[in-house]
N, C-alpha and C. Protein backbone atom coordinates (compact mmCIF):
# COMPACT_ATOMS: atom_id res chain seq x y z
N MET A 1 47.81 -24.70 122.86
CA MET A 1 47.04 -23.52 122.51
C MET A 1 47.82 -22.24 122.82
N ALA A 2 48.54 -22.23 123.92
CA ALA A 2 49.31 -21.04 124.30
C ALA A 2 50.42 -20.77 123.29
N ARG A 3 50.95 -21.82 122.70
CA ARG A 3 52.02 -21.64 121.73
C ARG A 3 51.52 -20.92 120.49
N SER A 4 50.34 -21.25 120.00
CA SER A 4 49.82 -20.59 118.81
C SER A 4 49.44 -19.14 119.12
N ASN A 5 48.98 -18.88 120.35
CA ASN A 5 48.67 -17.49 120.72
C ASN A 5 49.93 -16.63 120.73
N SER A 6 51.02 -17.16 121.23
CA SER A 6 52.26 -16.39 121.24
C SER A 6 52.79 -16.21 119.82
N LEU A 7 52.56 -17.19 118.96
CA LEU A 7 52.98 -17.05 117.56
C LEU A 7 52.20 -15.93 116.89
N TYR A 8 50.89 -15.85 117.13
CA TYR A 8 50.09 -14.76 116.58
C TYR A 8 50.55 -13.41 117.13
N PHE A 9 50.93 -13.37 118.39
CA PHE A 9 51.43 -12.13 118.99
C PHE A 9 52.72 -11.68 118.32
N VAL A 10 53.64 -12.59 118.10
CA VAL A 10 54.92 -12.26 117.45
C VAL A 10 54.69 -11.78 116.02
N ILE A 11 53.84 -12.47 115.28
CA ILE A 11 53.55 -12.07 113.91
C ILE A 11 52.89 -10.69 113.89
N GLY A 12 51.96 -10.44 114.79
CA GLY A 12 51.31 -9.13 114.87
C GLY A 12 52.29 -8.03 115.20
N ALA A 13 53.20 -8.29 116.13
CA ALA A 13 54.21 -7.30 116.49
C ALA A 13 55.12 -6.98 115.31
N LEU A 14 55.49 -8.01 114.54
CA LEU A 14 56.32 -7.78 113.36
C LEU A 14 55.59 -6.97 112.30
N VAL A 15 54.31 -7.25 112.10
CA VAL A 15 53.53 -6.49 111.12
C VAL A 15 53.44 -5.02 111.54
N ILE A 16 53.22 -4.76 112.81
CA ILE A 16 53.14 -3.39 113.30
C ILE A 16 54.49 -2.68 113.16
N ALA A 17 55.57 -3.38 113.45
CA ALA A 17 56.90 -2.79 113.32
C ALA A 17 57.21 -2.43 111.87
N VAL A 18 56.88 -3.32 110.94
CA VAL A 18 57.14 -3.05 109.53
C VAL A 18 56.28 -1.87 109.05
N ALA A 19 55.03 -1.81 109.47
CA ALA A 19 54.16 -0.70 109.07
C ALA A 19 54.69 0.62 109.64
N GLY A 20 55.12 0.62 110.88
CA GLY A 20 55.66 1.84 111.48
C GLY A 20 56.93 2.30 110.81
N LEU A 21 57.81 1.37 110.49
CA LEU A 21 59.05 1.71 109.79
C LEU A 21 58.76 2.25 108.40
N GLY A 22 57.80 1.66 107.72
CA GLY A 22 57.42 2.15 106.39
C GLY A 22 56.87 3.56 106.45
N ALA A 23 56.03 3.86 107.44
CA ALA A 23 55.48 5.20 107.59
C ALA A 23 56.58 6.21 107.89
N TYR A 24 57.54 5.82 108.71
CA TYR A 24 58.66 6.71 109.03
C TYR A 24 59.50 7.02 107.79
N VAL A 25 59.80 6.00 107.00
CA VAL A 25 60.60 6.19 105.79
C VAL A 25 59.88 7.08 104.80
N ILE A 26 58.59 6.86 104.62
CA ILE A 26 57.82 7.69 103.69
C ILE A 26 57.80 9.14 104.16
N ARG A 27 57.62 9.36 105.46
CA ARG A 27 57.59 10.72 105.99
C ARG A 27 58.93 11.42 105.79
N GLU A 28 60.04 10.70 106.01
CA GLU A 28 61.36 11.29 105.83
C GLU A 28 61.67 11.58 104.36
N GLU A 29 61.20 10.73 103.47
CA GLU A 29 61.47 10.92 102.04
C GLU A 29 60.68 12.08 101.46
N THR A 30 59.53 12.39 102.02
CA THR A 30 58.69 13.45 101.46
C THR A 30 58.90 14.79 102.15
N LYS A 31 59.87 14.89 103.06
CA LYS A 31 60.16 16.17 103.69
C LYS A 31 60.75 17.12 102.66
N PRO A 32 60.34 18.38 102.70
CA PRO A 32 60.94 19.34 101.77
C PRO A 32 62.39 19.61 102.12
N LYS A 33 63.21 19.78 101.10
CA LYS A 33 64.63 20.07 101.30
C LYS A 33 64.83 21.57 101.39
N GLY A 34 65.82 22.00 102.13
CA GLY A 34 66.13 23.42 102.22
C GLY A 34 66.13 23.90 103.65
N VAL A 35 65.64 25.13 103.84
CA VAL A 35 65.66 25.78 105.14
C VAL A 35 64.24 25.87 105.67
N GLU A 36 64.08 25.56 106.94
CA GLU A 36 62.78 25.64 107.59
C GLU A 36 62.84 26.73 108.65
N MET A 37 61.89 27.67 108.57
CA MET A 37 61.84 28.77 109.53
C MET A 37 60.51 28.71 110.28
N SER A 38 60.57 28.97 111.58
CA SER A 38 59.34 29.05 112.36
C SER A 38 59.47 30.18 113.37
N ILE A 39 58.37 30.89 113.59
CA ILE A 39 58.34 31.99 114.53
C ILE A 39 57.44 31.58 115.69
N THR A 40 58.01 31.56 116.89
CA THR A 40 57.27 31.16 118.07
C THR A 40 57.36 32.28 119.12
N GLY A 41 56.77 32.04 120.25
CA GLY A 41 56.83 33.01 121.33
C GLY A 41 58.25 33.19 121.86
N ASN A 42 59.11 32.21 121.62
CA ASN A 42 60.49 32.26 122.10
C ASN A 42 61.42 32.91 121.10
N GLY A 43 60.93 33.25 119.91
CA GLY A 43 61.78 33.88 118.90
C GLY A 43 61.68 33.17 117.57
N VAL A 44 62.68 33.41 116.73
CA VAL A 44 62.73 32.83 115.39
C VAL A 44 63.65 31.63 115.42
N LYS A 45 63.22 30.55 114.79
CA LYS A 45 64.00 29.32 114.73
C LYS A 45 64.26 28.98 113.27
N VAL A 46 65.53 28.78 112.90
CA VAL A 46 65.90 28.46 111.53
C VAL A 46 66.66 27.14 111.55
N GLU A 47 66.19 26.16 110.75
CA GLU A 47 66.84 24.86 110.66
C GLU A 47 67.11 24.53 109.21
N GLN A 48 68.26 23.95 108.95
CA GLN A 48 68.60 23.50 107.61
C GLN A 48 68.32 22.00 107.51
N ASN A 49 67.57 21.60 106.48
CA ASN A 49 67.22 20.19 106.30
C ASN A 49 68.25 19.50 105.46
C-alpha cells in the first residue's frame, strides 16, 4: 500500500511541475517587448526587455 501512495505522490509532483513550467513559459512569452519604466519612491527605473 505504501508503494502505491508514493507512486501517486511522484505523479502528483510531476503534474504540478509541468503546470508550473507551462505557466512560466506562457508568462514569459506574453511579456511586452521594449522598454519598461516605473516611478517609485526611490526614483525612476528603466529596464530594457
